[in-house]
């Protein structure tokens, strides 16, 4: 594929080149490029139809420790989704706005 992209002149061009899917193309690779229908990049899930506010969305996704002092990568889920929203919507991503995924 790299040779084909070189022949087409896509290497070194902004937005060109290869976007290789690693592993099984329907698992890891699709998640990396945001092509899964129920997830957005970073393994974040899309809101359900009845989750129209940010707090409703976070209710089932926020990390809840089982023991005092327990930590987890996913305790940062709120930070991850806020960062994603700001990256997509810029200044329009403000507290109190409807969840716009």
PDB file of N, CA and C in Angstrom:
ATOM      1  N   UNK A   1       0.826  -1.192   0.000  1.00  0.00           N
ATOM      2  CA  UNK A   1       0.000   0.000   0.000  1.00  0.00           C
ATOM      3  C   UNK A   1       0.869   1.255   0.000  1.00  0.00           C
ATOM      4  N   UNK A   2       2.010   1.196   0.687  1.00  0.00           N
ATOM      5  CA  UNK A   2       2.899   2.357   0.710  1.00  0.00           C
ATOM      6  C   UNK A   2       3.390   2.673  -0.694  1.00  0.00           C
ATOM      7  N   UNK A   3       3.704   1.640  -1.469  1.00  0.00           N
ATOM      8  CA  UNK A   3       4.169   1.855  -2.848  1.00  0.00           C
ATOM      9  C   UNK A   3       3.069   2.486  -3.693  1.00  0.00           C
ATOM     10  N   UNK A   4       1.839   2.042  -3.517  1.00  0.00           N
ATOM     11  CA  UNK A   4       0.716   2.615  -4.265  1.00  0.00           C
ATOM     12  C   UNK A   4       0.543   4.085  -3.908  1.00  0.00           C
ATOM     13  N   UNK A   5       0.629   4.406  -2.622  1.00  0.00           N
ATOM     14  CA  UNK A   5       0.479   5.797  -2.191  1.00  0.00           C
ATOM     15  C   UNK A   5       1.628   6.655  -2.721  1.00  0.00           C
ATOM     16  N   UNK A   6       2.845   6.095  -2.781  1.00  0.00           N
ATOM     17  CA  UNK A   6       3.973   6.826  -3.372  1.00  0.00           C
ATOM     18  C   UNK A   6       3.724   7.101  -4.845  1.00  0.00           C
ATOM     19  N   UNK A   7       3.248   6.099  -5.579  1.00  0.00           N
ATOM     20  CA  UNK A   7       2.962   6.270  -7.008  1.00  0.00           C
ATOM     21  C   UNK A   7       1.863   7.305  -7.246  1.00  0.00           C
ATOM     22  N   UNK A   8       0.903   7.364  -6.343  1.00  0.00           N
ATOM     23  CA  UNK A   8      -0.194   8.319  -6.473  1.00  0.00           C
ATOM     24  C   UNK A   8       0.198   9.721  -6.020  1.00  0.00           C
ATOM     25  N   UNK A   9       1.367   9.846  -5.409  1.00  0.00           N
ATOM     26  CA  UNK A   9       1.820  11.157  -4.948  1.00  0.00           C
ATOM     27  C   UNK A   9       1.165  11.618  -3.660  1.00  0.00           C
ATOM     28  N   UNK A  10       0.685  10.685  -2.858  1.00  0.00           N
ATOM     29  CA  UNK A  10      -0.020  11.042  -1.635  1.00  0.00           C
ATOM     30  C   UNK A  10       0.873  11.112  -0.408  1.00  0.00           C
ATOM     31  N   UNK A  11       2.110  10.667  -0.495  1.00  0.00           N
ATOM     32  CA  UNK A  11       3.015  10.679   0.648  1.00  0.00           C
ATOM     33  C   UNK A  11       3.624  12.075   0.775  1.00  0.00           C
ATOM     34  N   UNK A  12       3.596  12.626   1.980  1.00  0.00           N
ATOM     35  CA  UNK A  12       4.169  13.958   2.207  1.00  0.00           C
ATOM     36  C   UNK A  12       3.223  15.100   1.922  1.00  0.00           C
ATOM     37  N   UNK A  13       1.986  14.790   1.555  1.00  0.00           N
ATOM     38  CA  UNK A  13       0.972  15.810   1.283  1.00  0.00           C
ATOM     39  C   UNK A  13       0.039  15.883   2.478  1.00  0.00           C
ATOM     40  N   UNK A  14      -0.286  17.081   2.901  1.00  0.00           N
ATOM     41  CA  UNK A  14      -1.206  17.223   4.036  1.00  0.00           C
ATOM     42  C   UNK A  14      -2.501  16.476   3.754  1.00  0.00           C
ATOM     43  N   UNK A  15      -2.869  15.595   4.668  1.00  0.00           N
ATOM     44  CA  UNK A  15      -4.086  14.807   4.508  1.00  0.00           C
ATOM     45  C   UNK A  15      -3.909  13.596   3.617  1.00  0.00           C
ATOM     46  N   UNK A  16      -2.728  13.425   3.054  1.00  0.00           N
ATOM     47  CA  UNK A  16      -2.472  12.288   2.174  1.00  0.00           C
ATOM     48  C   UNK A  16      -1.789  11.169   2.921  1.00  0.00           C
ATOM     49  N   UNK A  17      -1.323  10.202   2.200  1.00  0.00           N
ATOM     50  CA  UNK A  17      -0.604   9.099   2.813  1.00  0.00           C
ATOM     51  C   UNK A  17      -1.512   7.974   3.209  1.00  0.00           C
ATOM     52  N   UNK A  18      -1.028   7.190   4.136  1.00  0.00           N
ATOM     53  CA  UNK A  18      -1.763   5.991   4.544  1.00  0.00           C
ATOM     54  C   UNK A  18      -2.318   6.145   5.942  1.00  0.00           C
ATOM     55  N   UNK A  19      -3.450   5.582   6.146  1.00  0.00           N
ATOM     56  CA  UNK A  19      -4.031   5.495   7.473  1.00  0.00           C
ATOM     57  C   UNK A  19      -4.238   4.012   7.741  1.00  0.00           C
ATOM     58  N   UNK A  20      -3.142   3.349   8.060  1.00  0.00           N
ATOM     59  CA  UNK A  20      -3.173   1.899   8.201  1.00  0.00           C
ATOM     60  C   UNK A  20      -4.020   1.481   9.397  1.00  0.00           C
ATOM     61  N   UNK A  21      -4.838   0.481   9.196  1.00  0.00           N
ATOM     62  CA  UNK A  21      -5.619  -0.097  10.278  1.00  0.00           C
ATOM     63  C   UNK A  21      -4.796  -1.231  10.858  1.00  0.00           C
ATOM     64  N   UNK A  22      -4.500  -1.151  12.147  1.00  0.00           N
ATOM     65  CA  UNK A  22      -3.666  -2.177  12.744  1.00  0.00           C
ATOM     66  C   UNK A  22      -4.521  -3.223  13.431  1.00  0.00           C
ATOM     67  N   UNK A  23      -3.976  -4.392  13.569  1.00  0.00           N
ATOM     68  CA  UNK A  23      -4.728  -5.477  14.185  1.00  0.00           C
ATOM     69  C   UNK A  23      -5.905  -5.864  13.309  1.00  0.00           C
ATOM     70  N   UNK A  24      -6.964  -6.307  13.904  1.00  0.00           N
ATOM     71  CA  UNK A  24      -8.166  -6.629  13.144  1.00  0.00           C
ATOM     72  C   UNK A  24      -8.824  -5.314  12.756  1.00  0.00           C
ATOM     73  N   UNK A  25      -9.076  -5.137  11.492  1.00  0.00           N
ATOM     74  CA  UNK A  25      -9.591  -3.856  11.021  1.00  0.00           C
ATOM     75  C   UNK A  25     -10.951  -3.503  11.609  1.00  0.00           C
ATOM     76  N   UNK A  26     -11.682  -4.465  12.115  1.00  0.00           N
ATOM     77  CA  UNK A  26     -12.992  -4.154  12.677  1.00  0.00           C
ATOM     78  C   UNK A  26     -12.936  -3.908  14.183  1.00  0.00           C
ATOM     79  N   UNK A  27     -11.743  -3.948  14.785  1.00  0.00           N
ATOM     80  CA  UNK A  27     -11.657  -3.749  16.229  1.00  0.00           C
ATOM     81  C   UNK A  27     -10.786  -2.544  16.534  1.00  0.00           C
ATOM     82  N   UNK A  28      -9.499  -2.742  16.692  1.00  0.00           N
ATOM     83  CA  UNK A  28      -8.591  -1.678  17.108  1.00  0.00           C
ATOM     84  C   UNK A  28      -8.500  -0.562  16.080  1.00  0.00           C
ATOM     85  N   UNK A  29      -8.298  -0.923  14.834  1.00  0.00           N
ATOM     86  CA  UNK A  29      -8.109   0.089  13.802  1.00  0.00           C
ATOM     87  C   UNK A  29      -9.320   0.996  13.636  1.00  0.00           C
ATOM     88  N   UNK A  30     -10.503   0.430  13.631  1.00  0.00           N
ATOM     89  CA  UNK A  30     -11.706   1.245  13.470  1.00  0.00           C
ATOM     90  C   UNK A  30     -11.901   2.193  14.643  1.00  0.00           C
ATOM     91  N   UNK A  31     -11.512   1.752  15.826  1.00  0.00           N
ATOM     92  CA  UNK A  31     -11.616   2.617  16.994  1.00  0.00           C
ATOM     93  C   UNK A  31     -10.624   3.761  16.891  1.00  0.00           C
ATOM     94  N   UNK A  32      -9.416   3.469  16.428  1.00  0.00           N
ATOM     95  CA  UNK A  32      -8.387   4.495  16.316  1.00  0.00           C
ATOM     96  C   UNK A  32      -8.805   5.630  15.382  1.00  0.00           C
ATOM     97  N   UNK A  33      -9.494   5.318  14.316  1.00  0.00           N
ATOM     98  CA  UNK A  33      -9.879   6.350  13.354  1.00  0.00           C
ATOM     99  C   UNK A  33     -11.327   6.811  13.523  1.00  0.00           C
ATOM    100  N   UNK A  34     -11.993   6.336  14.560  1.00  0.00           N
ATOM    101  CA  UNK A  34     -13.341   6.811  14.867  1.00  0.00           C
ATOM    102  C   UNK A  34     -14.418   6.307  13.937  1.00  0.00           C
ATOM    103  N   UNK A  35     -14.305   5.074  13.465  1.00  0.00           N
ATOM    104  CA  UNK A  35     -15.289   4.550  12.522  1.00  0.00           C
ATOM    105  C   UNK A  35     -16.299   3.589  13.121  1.00  0.00           C
ATOM    106  N   UNK A  36     -16.180   3.291  14.414  1.00  0.00           N
ATOM    107  CA  UNK A  36     -17.174   2.427  15.039  1.00  0.00           C
ATOM    108  C   UNK A  36     -18.479   3.196  15.205  1.00  0.00           C
ATOM    109  N   UNK A  37     -19.585   2.537  14.975  1.00  0.00           N
ATOM    110  CA  UNK A  37     -20.869   3.231  15.003  1.00  0.00           C
ATOM    111  C   UNK A  37     -21.337   3.599  16.401  1.00  0.00           C
ATOM    112  N   UNK A  38     -20.830   2.944  17.436  1.00  0.00           N
ATOM    113  CA  UNK A  38     -21.301   3.225  18.793  1.00  0.00           C
ATOM    114  C   UNK A  38     -20.235   3.855  19.681  1.00  0.00           C
ATOM    115  N   UNK A  39     -19.058   4.146  19.117  1.00  0.00           N
ATOM    116  CA  UNK A  39     -17.986   4.735  19.920  1.00  0.00           C
ATOM    117  C   UNK A  39     -17.326   5.879  19.156  1.00  0.00           C
ATOM    118  N   UNK A  40     -16.728   6.768  19.927  1.00  0.00           N
ATOM    119  CA  UNK A  40     -15.925   7.836  19.350  1.00  0.00           C
ATOM    120  C   UNK A  40     -14.480   7.579  19.766  1.00  0.00           C
ATOM    121  N   UNK A  41     -13.509   8.213  19.130  1.00  0.00           N
ATOM    122  CA  UNK A  41     -12.109   7.922  19.453  1.00  0.00           C
ATOM    123  C   UNK A  41     -11.838   8.007  20.956  1.00  0.00           C
ATOM    124  N   UNK A  42     -10.989   7.111  21.431  1.00  0.00           N
ATOM    125  CA  UNK A  42     -10.663   7.052  22.847  1.00  0.00           C
ATOM    126  C   UNK A  42     -11.548   6.085  23.611  1.00  0.00           C
ATOM    127  N   UNK A  43     -12.277   5.244  22.885  1.00  0.00           N
ATOM    128  CA  UNK A  43     -13.190   4.270  23.492  1.00  0.00           C
ATOM    129  C   UNK A  43     -14.292   4.946  24.303  1.00  0.00           C
ATOM    130  N   UNK A  44     -14.688   6.131  23.913  1.00  0.00           N
ATOM    131  CA  UNK A  44     -15.802   6.819  24.552  1.00  0.00           C
ATOM    132  C   UNK A  44     -17.074   6.423  23.816  1.00  0.00           C
ATOM    133  N   UNK A  45     -18.160   6.223  24.557  1.00  0.00           N
ATOM    134  CA  UNK A  45     -19.393   5.775  23.922  1.00  0.00           C
ATOM    135  C   UNK A  45     -20.274   6.963  23.552  1.00  0.00           C
ATOM    136  N   UNK A  46     -21.094   6.751  22.543  1.00  0.00           N
ATOM    137  CA  UNK A  46     -22.057   7.768  22.143  1.00  0.00           C
ATOM    138  C   UNK A  46     -23.205   7.797  23.147  1.00  0.00           C
ATOM    139  N   UNK A  47     -23.836   8.951  23.318  1.00  0.00           N
ATOM    140  CA  UNK A  47     -24.980   9.001  24.232  1.00  0.00           C
ATOM    141  C   UNK A  47     -26.176   8.252  23.649  1.00  0.00           C
ATOM    142  N   UNK A  48     -26.997   7.719  24.539  1.00  0.00           N
ATOM    143  CA  UNK A  48     -28.240   7.067  24.119  1.00  0.00           C
ATOM    144  C   UNK A  48     -29.284   8.140  23.861  1.00  0.00           C
ATOM    145  N   UNK A  49     -30.359   7.781  23.225  1.00  0.00           N
ATOM    146  CA  UNK A  49     -31.406   8.752  22.869  1.00  0.00           C
ATOM    147  C   UNK A  49     -31.963   9.493  24.073  1.00  0.00           C
ATOM    148  N   UNK A  50     -32.072   8.812  25.213  1.00  0.00           N
ATOM    149  CA  UNK A  50     -32.667   9.459  26.383  1.00  0.00           C
ATOM    150  C   UNK A  50     -31.652  10.235  27.219  1.00  0.00           C
ATOM    151  N   UNK A  51     -30.401  10.247  26.832  1.00  0.00           N
ATOM    152  CA  UNK A  51     -29.367  10.995  27.546  1.00  0.00           C
ATOM    153  C   UNK A  51     -29.149  12.339  26.847  1.00  0.00           C
ATOM    154  N   UNK A  52     -29.973  13.293  27.209  1.00  0.00           N
ATOM    155  CA  UNK A  52     -29.922  14.587  26.526  1.00  0.00           C
ATOM    156  C   UNK A  52     -29.080  15.625  27.248  1.00  0.00           C
ATOM    157  N   UNK A  53     -28.681  15.338  28.477  1.00  0.00           N
ATOM    158  CA  UNK A  53     -27.808  16.269  29.196  1.00  0.00           C
ATOM    159  C   UNK A  53     -26.491  15.564  29.512  1.00  0.00           C
ATOM    160  N   UNK A  54     -25.489  16.363  29.786  1.00  0.00           N
ATOM    161  CA  UNK A  54     -24.179  15.821  30.101  1.00  0.00           C
ATOM    162  C   UNK A  54     -24.219  14.967  31.355  1.00  0.00           C
ATOM    163  N   UNK A  55     -24.935  15.407  32.363  1.00  0.00           N
ATOM    164  CA  UNK A  55     -25.009  14.646  33.612  1.00  0.00           C
ATOM    165  C   UNK A  55     -25.704  13.301  33.409  1.00  0.00           C
ATOM    166  N   UNK A  56     -26.753  13.258  32.579  1.00  0.00           N
ATOM    167  CA  UNK A  56     -27.404  11.980  32.280  1.00  0.00           C
ATOM    168  C   UNK A  56     -26.433  11.052  31.566  1.00  0.00           C
ATOM    169  N   UNK A  57     -25.662  11.598  30.659  1.00  0.00           N
ATOM    170  CA  UNK A  57     -24.658  10.824  29.932  1.00  0.00           C
ATOM    171  C   UNK A  57     -23.607  10.250  30.885  1.00  0.00           C
ATOM    172  N   UNK A  58     -23.164  11.063  31.835  1.00  0.00           N
ATOM    173  CA  UNK A  58     -22.102  10.655  32.744  1.00  0.00           C
ATOM    174  C   UNK A  58     -22.565   9.687  33.833  1.00  0.00           C
ATOM    175  N   UNK A  59     -23.864   9.639  34.124  1.00  0.00           N
ATOM    176  CA  UNK A  59     -24.374   8.796  35.215  1.00  0.00           C
ATOM    177  C   UNK A  59     -23.933   7.343  35.094  1.00  0.00           C
ATOM    178  N   UNK A  60     -23.986   6.777  33.919  1.00  0.00           N
ATOM    179  CA  UNK A  60     -23.645   5.365  33.747  1.00  0.00           C
ATOM    180  C   UNK A  60     -22.192   5.156  33.317  1.00  0.00           C
ATOM    181  N   UNK A  61     -21.464   6.227  33.086  1.00  0.00           N
ATOM    182  CA  UNK A  61     -20.099   6.100  32.586  1.00  0.00           C
ATOM    183  C   UNK A  61     -19.032   6.554  33.572  1.00  0.00           C
ATOM    184  N   UNK A  62     -19.431   7.284  34.587  1.00  0.00           N
ATOM    185  CA  UNK A  62     -18.466   7.809  35.549  1.00  0.00           C
ATOM    186  C   UNK A  62     -17.927   6.682  36.402  1.00  0.00           C
ATOM    187  N   UNK A  63     -16.636   6.649  36.587  1.00  0.00           N
ATOM    188  CA  UNK A  63     -15.962   5.630  37.390  1.00  0.00           C
ATOM    189  C   UNK A  63     -16.417   5.728  38.837  1.00  0.00           C
ATOM    190  N   UNK A  64     -16.798   4.594  39.393  1.00  0.00           N
ATOM    191  CA  UNK A  64     -17.202   4.542  40.795  1.00  0.00           C
ATOM    192  C   UNK A  64     -16.288   3.545  41.507  1.00  0.00           C
ATOM    193  N   UNK A  65     -15.379   4.019  42.378  1.00  0.00           N
ATOM    194  CA  UNK A  65     -14.458   3.101  43.048  1.00  0.00           C
ATOM    195  C   UNK A  65     -15.197   2.109  43.939  1.00  0.00           C
ATOM    196  N   UNK A  66     -14.677   0.898  43.983  1.00  0.00           N
ATOM    197  CA  UNK A  66     -15.259  -0.144  44.821  1.00  0.00           C
ATOM    198  C   UNK A  66     -14.683  -0.119  46.234  1.00  0.00           C
ATOM    199  N   UNK A  67     -13.450   0.402  46.355  1.00  0.00           N
ATOM    200  CA  UNK A  67     -12.783   0.491  47.651  1.00  0.00           C
ATOM    201  C   UNK A  67     -12.245   1.910  47.823  1.00  0.00           C
ATOM    202  N   UNK A  68     -12.068   2.365  49.053  1.00  0.00           N
ATOM    203  CA  UNK A  68     -11.502   3.696  49.288  1.00  0.00           C
ATOM    204  C   UNK A  68     -10.097   3.810  48.684  1.00  0.00           C
ATOM    205  N   UNK A  69      -9.846   4.909  47.982  1.00  0.00           N
ATOM    206  CA  UNK A  69      -8.535   5.158  47.399  1.00  0.00           C
ATOM    207  C   UNK A  69      -8.251   4.413  46.109  1.00  0.00           C
ATOM    208  N   UNK A  70      -9.218   3.641  45.622  1.00  0.00           N
ATOM    209  CA  UNK A  70      -9.017   2.886  44.392  1.00  0.00           C
ATOM    210  C   UNK A  70      -8.952   3.839  43.204  1.00  0.00           C
ATOM    211  N   UNK A  71      -8.029   3.590  42.304  1.00  0.00           N
ATOM    212  CA  UNK A  71      -7.899   4.435  41.117  1.00  0.00           C
ATOM    213  C   UNK A  71      -8.079   3.602  39.861  1.00  0.00           C
ATOM    214  N   UNK A  72      -8.367   4.282  38.795  1.00  0.00           N
ATOM    215  CA  UNK A  72      -8.564   3.630  37.513  1.00  0.00           C
ATOM    216  C   UNK A  72      -8.334   4.643  36.404  1.00  0.00           C
ATOM    217  N   UNK A  73      -7.884   4.159  35.273  1.00  0.00           N
ATOM    218  CA  UNK A  73      -7.747   5.002  34.080  1.00  0.00           C
ATOM    219  C   UNK A  73      -9.082   5.692  33.767  1.00  0.00           C
ATOM    220  N   UNK A  74     -10.169   4.958  33.944  1.00  0.00           N
ATOM    221  CA  UNK A  74     -11.487   5.469  33.574  1.00  0.00           C
ATOM    222  C   UNK A  74     -12.063   6.474  34.561  1.00  0.00           C
ATOM    223  N   UNK A  75     -11.387   6.738  35.671  1.00  0.00           N
ATOM    224  CA  UNK A  75     -11.872   7.791  36.560  1.00  0.00           C
ATOM    225  C   UNK A  75     -11.752   9.148  35.872  1.00  0.00           C
ATOM    226  N   UNK A  76     -11.038   9.210  34.767  1.00  0.00           N
ATOM    227  CA  UNK A  76     -10.870  10.443  34.000  1.00  0.00           C
ATOM    228  C   UNK A  76     -11.849  10.552  32.841  1.00  0.00           C
ATOM    229  N   UNK A  77     -12.862   9.695  32.788  1.00  0.00           N
ATOM    230  CA  UNK A  77     -13.814   9.689  31.672  1.00  0.00           C
ATOM    231  C   UNK A  77     -14.411  11.076  31.436  1.00  0.00           C
ATOM    232  N   UNK A  78     -14.800  11.743  32.502  1.00  0.00           N
ATOM    233  CA  UNK A  78     -15.388  13.084  32.376  1.00  0.00           C
ATOM    234  C   UNK A  78     -14.396  14.026  31.678  1.00  0.00           C
ATOM    235  N   UNK A  79     -13.143  13.982  32.073  1.00  0.00           N
ATOM    236  CA  UNK A  79     -12.124  14.832  31.446  1.00  0.00           C
ATOM    237  C   UNK A  79     -11.943  14.466  29.978  1.00  0.00           C
ATOM    238  N   UNK A  80     -11.980  13.167  29.679  1.00  0.00           N
ATOM    239  CA  UNK A  80     -11.801  12.721  28.302  1.00  0.00           C
ATOM    240  C   UNK A  80     -12.913  13.249  27.403  1.00  0.00           C
ATOM    241  N   UNK A  81     -14.161  13.104  27.849  1.00  0.00           N
ATOM    242  CA  UNK A  81     -15.281  13.517  26.996  1.00  0.00           C
ATOM    243  C   UNK A  81     -15.354  15.040  26.880  1.00  0.00           C
ATOM    244  N   UNK A  82     -15.014  15.754  27.948  1.00  0.00           N
ATOM    245  CA  UNK A  82     -14.995  17.225  27.877  1.00  0.00           C
ATOM    246  C   UNK A  82     -13.920  17.668  26.900  1.00  0.00           C
ATOM    247  N   UNK A  83     -12.757  17.062  26.965  1.00  0.00           N
ATOM    248  CA  UNK A  83     -11.672  17.400  26.051  1.00  0.00           C
ATOM    249  C   UNK A  83     -12.079  17.117  24.609  1.00  0.00           C
ATOM    250  N   UNK A  84     -12.748  15.988  24.375  1.00  0.00           N
ATOM    251  CA  UNK A  84     -13.210  15.647  23.031  1.00  0.00           C
ATOM    252  C   UNK A  84     -14.226  16.672  22.531  1.00  0.00           C
ATOM    253  N   UNK A  85     -15.173  17.031  23.386  1.00  0.00           N
ATOM    254  CA  UNK A  85     -16.188  18.024  22.995  1.00  0.00           C
ATOM    255  C   UNK A  85     -15.539  19.361  22.628  1.00  0.00           C
ATOM    256  N   UNK A  86     -14.549  19.784  23.409  1.00  0.00           N
ATOM    257  CA  UNK A  86     -13.861  21.052  23.130  1.00  0.00           C
ATOM    258  C   UNK A  86     -13.083  20.977  21.822  1.00  0.00           C
ATOM    259  N   UNK A  87     -12.496  19.811  21.545  1.00  0.00           N
ATOM    260  CA  UNK A  87     -11.756  19.640  20.297  1.00  0.00           C
ATOM    261  C   UNK A  87     -12.690  19.710  19.093  1.00  0.00           C
ATOM    262  N   UNK A  88     -13.905  19.187  19.230  1.00  0.00           N
ATOM    263  CA  UNK A  88     -14.851  19.167  18.120  1.00  0.00           C
ATOM    264  C   UNK A  88     -15.602  20.494  17.987  1.00  0.00           C
ATOM    265  N   UNK A  89     -16.102  21.029  19.094  1.00  0.00           N
ATOM    266  CA  UNK A  89     -16.988  22.183  19.042  1.00  0.00           C
ATOM    267  C   UNK A  89     -16.334  23.501  19.448  1.00  0.00           C
ATOM    268  N   UNK A  90     -15.098  23.467  19.903  1.00  0.00           N
ATOM    269  CA  UNK A  90     -14.383  24.696  20.254  1.00  0.00           C
ATOM    270  C   UNK A  90     -15.084  25.488  21.332  1.00  0.00           C
ATOM    271  N   UNK A  91     -15.242  26.783  21.109  1.00  0.00           N
ATOM    272  CA  UNK A  91     -15.841  27.675  22.102  1.00  0.00           C
ATOM    273  C   UNK A  91     -17.319  27.387  22.348  1.00  0.00           C
ATOM    274  N   UNK A  92     -17.958  26.670  21.445  1.00  0.00           N
ATOM    275  CA  UNK A  92     -19.380  26.348  21.619  1.00  0.00           C
ATOM    276  C   UNK A  92     -19.601  25.238  22.650  1.00  0.00           C
ATOM    277  N   UNK A  93     -18.549  24.543  23.050  1.00  0.00           N
ATOM    278  CA  UNK A  93     -18.654  23.481  24.061  1.00  0.00           C
ATOM    279  C   UNK A  93     -18.594  24.129  25.439  1.00  0.00           C
ATOM    280  N   UNK A  94     -19.767  24.408  25.986  1.00  0.00           N
ATOM    281  CA  UNK A  94     -19.859  25.078  27.289  1.00  0.00           C
ATOM    282  C   UNK A  94     -20.778  24.294  28.208  1.00  0.00           C
ATOM    283  N   UNK A  95     -20.564  24.473  29.499  1.00  0.00           N
ATOM    284  CA  UNK A  95     -21.426  23.825  30.495  1.00  0.00           C
ATOM    285  C   UNK A  95     -22.859  24.289  30.273  1.00  0.00           C
ATOM    286  N   UNK A  96     -23.816  23.382  30.390  1.00  0.00           N
ATOM    287  CA  UNK A  96     -25.217  23.721  30.219  1.00  0.00           C
ATOM    288  C   UNK A  96     -25.714  23.498  28.805  1.00  0.00           C
ATOM    289  N   UNK A  97     -24.825  23.229  27.851  1.00  0.00           N
ATOM    290  CA  UNK A  97     -25.242  22.980  26.486  1.00  0.00           C
ATOM    291  C   UNK A  97     -25.750  21.538  26.376  1.00  0.00           C
ATOM    292  N   UNK A  98     -26.593  21.288  25.410  1.00  0.00           N
ATOM    293  CA  UNK A  98     -27.047  19.921  25.152  1.00  0.00           C
ATOM    294  C   UNK A  98     -25.867  19.105  24.651  1.00  0.00           C
ATOM    295  N   UNK A  99     -25.850  17.829  24.957  1.00  0.00           N
ATOM    296  CA  UNK A  99     -24.776  16.944  24.507  1.00  0.00           C
ATOM    297  C   UNK A  99     -24.885  16.793  23.004  1.00  0.00           C
ATOM    298  N   UNK A 100     -23.885  17.255  22.275  1.00  0.00           N
ATOM    299  CA  UNK A 100     -23.995  17.336  20.823  1.00  0.00           C
ATOM    300  C   UNK A 100     -23.264  16.276  20.043  1.00  0.00           C
ATOM    301  N   UNK A 101     -23.220  15.053  20.529  1.00  0.00           N
ATOM    302  CA  UNK A 101     -22.535  14.011  19.774  1.00  0.00           C
ATOM    303  C   UNK A 101     -23.455  13.429  18.740  1.00  0.00           C
TER     304      UNK A 101
END
